[in-house]
Amino acid sequence: MQPPPIAKEQRTKYKRRRPACRENQDLFKMLQYGAENSNRIFAGRQDQPLGGAGITQMAALIARCGWACYYQSYITRTQTRGTVREDGVNDLASMIANTKVDKGSLAIFWLGQAGFVYKTHAGTIMYVDAYLSDCVSRMVGAQFHGFKRIMPAPIRSEEVEADWVVCTHSHPDHFDYDAIPVLAKSERIRFIGAPDCRAEFEKLGIPAEKITIIEEGTTITCDDITLTGVYADHGELAPDALGVVLQADGITVWQVADTAYRPERWEGVCKMGVDVVIPPINGAFGNMDGVTAAKLANDCRAKIAIPCHYWMFAEHGGNPIEFLESCEKYAPDVEPRLMAQGELLVYRT
């Protein structure tokens, strides 16, 4: 069974083309087709099988935007170079290690939640806010069942090979209390954290020489990456929370981290020439939702906006369709890009 044909112009202009999918397709049949044939649809791209929220995402995208929009959200996976383990899951560790980054480019992988991996032309690998365990559920207890990890980690802590691991604040979905001790066993990995992370690193026995604290307005040189701490408003429970701006090989990425929408505090960041902005969209616990995230993408004149911080926990929520539609309305010159866990996006200048 073959999926509906996609015209070339639909592939390249999907943001502005919205086929009337609900008027001429049976959504249930499409869902059934996707559930039964997801591996065949993306055969040869080494994608993870769709299931659970993946099918939900597929249904929402198809229903609102048509097949062209759904396919576009997976286009960048054609650049992956991973292998597939016996359990059928992509070997993200191999994918990261084997990805060759051209000069003037930056490789970006999404780990799920607020976690991203960056790899430069020189081979520097930086993890930011990587959540690889289920420590949130363990720490809050069974009475808070809404914080059980729903999405499986695309890479195990033991598989991580990195130069830098950055934590924007000490909440356990950004400062992974179970993964960090494992990562610390690597002689290669060094840690960077917001001020509230210092005490947490010490509690875990991380050697002081492996720790660097970053503050708002501070810039740290991390091999060929410069990392700048920028303002974030995550409320009274995380007053030291930061966002970070990464700059490498002429590319600027703003990982906004957990924060409310505070455009008056980000005028300086917006003048840095942001290429890629990565805002949260869960709209809970003081964070931006899809609408304000889209407004931020327009404020900073980003070329690409990648939403994050959604669908990891039942308590978090998040609506990527709202983000896509809000970008059309509030940020028409910005390309919104949905990523799947473990997906690779290569940004080129």
Foldseek 3Di string as FASTA:
>chain_A
DDDDDDDPVCLVPLLPAAPQQVVPHDLVVVLVCCQVCVCVNPPPLLDQRADDVSSVVVSVCCNGGNPSRVVNLAVQSSQFDFDADPVSATALLRRLQPRAFDQQKKKWAFFAALWIWIAHNVGAIEIFQHAQDLVVDVVVDPVPQQSGFDDHGSHHLLSDDHQEYEAQFPDCSRVPLVSVLNNLVDPRYAYEYFPNCPVVCVVSVRDPVRYDYAAAQDWDDRPQKIKHWHDAPLDDVTRRGTWIWIDGSRAIETSGPFHAQDLVRCPVVLVPQHAEYEAEALPPSHGHHLQSQLLVCQSSVYQEYEYHRADRGNVRHGDVVSNSVNNVVRPVNHHYHYHDRSGMDMDGD
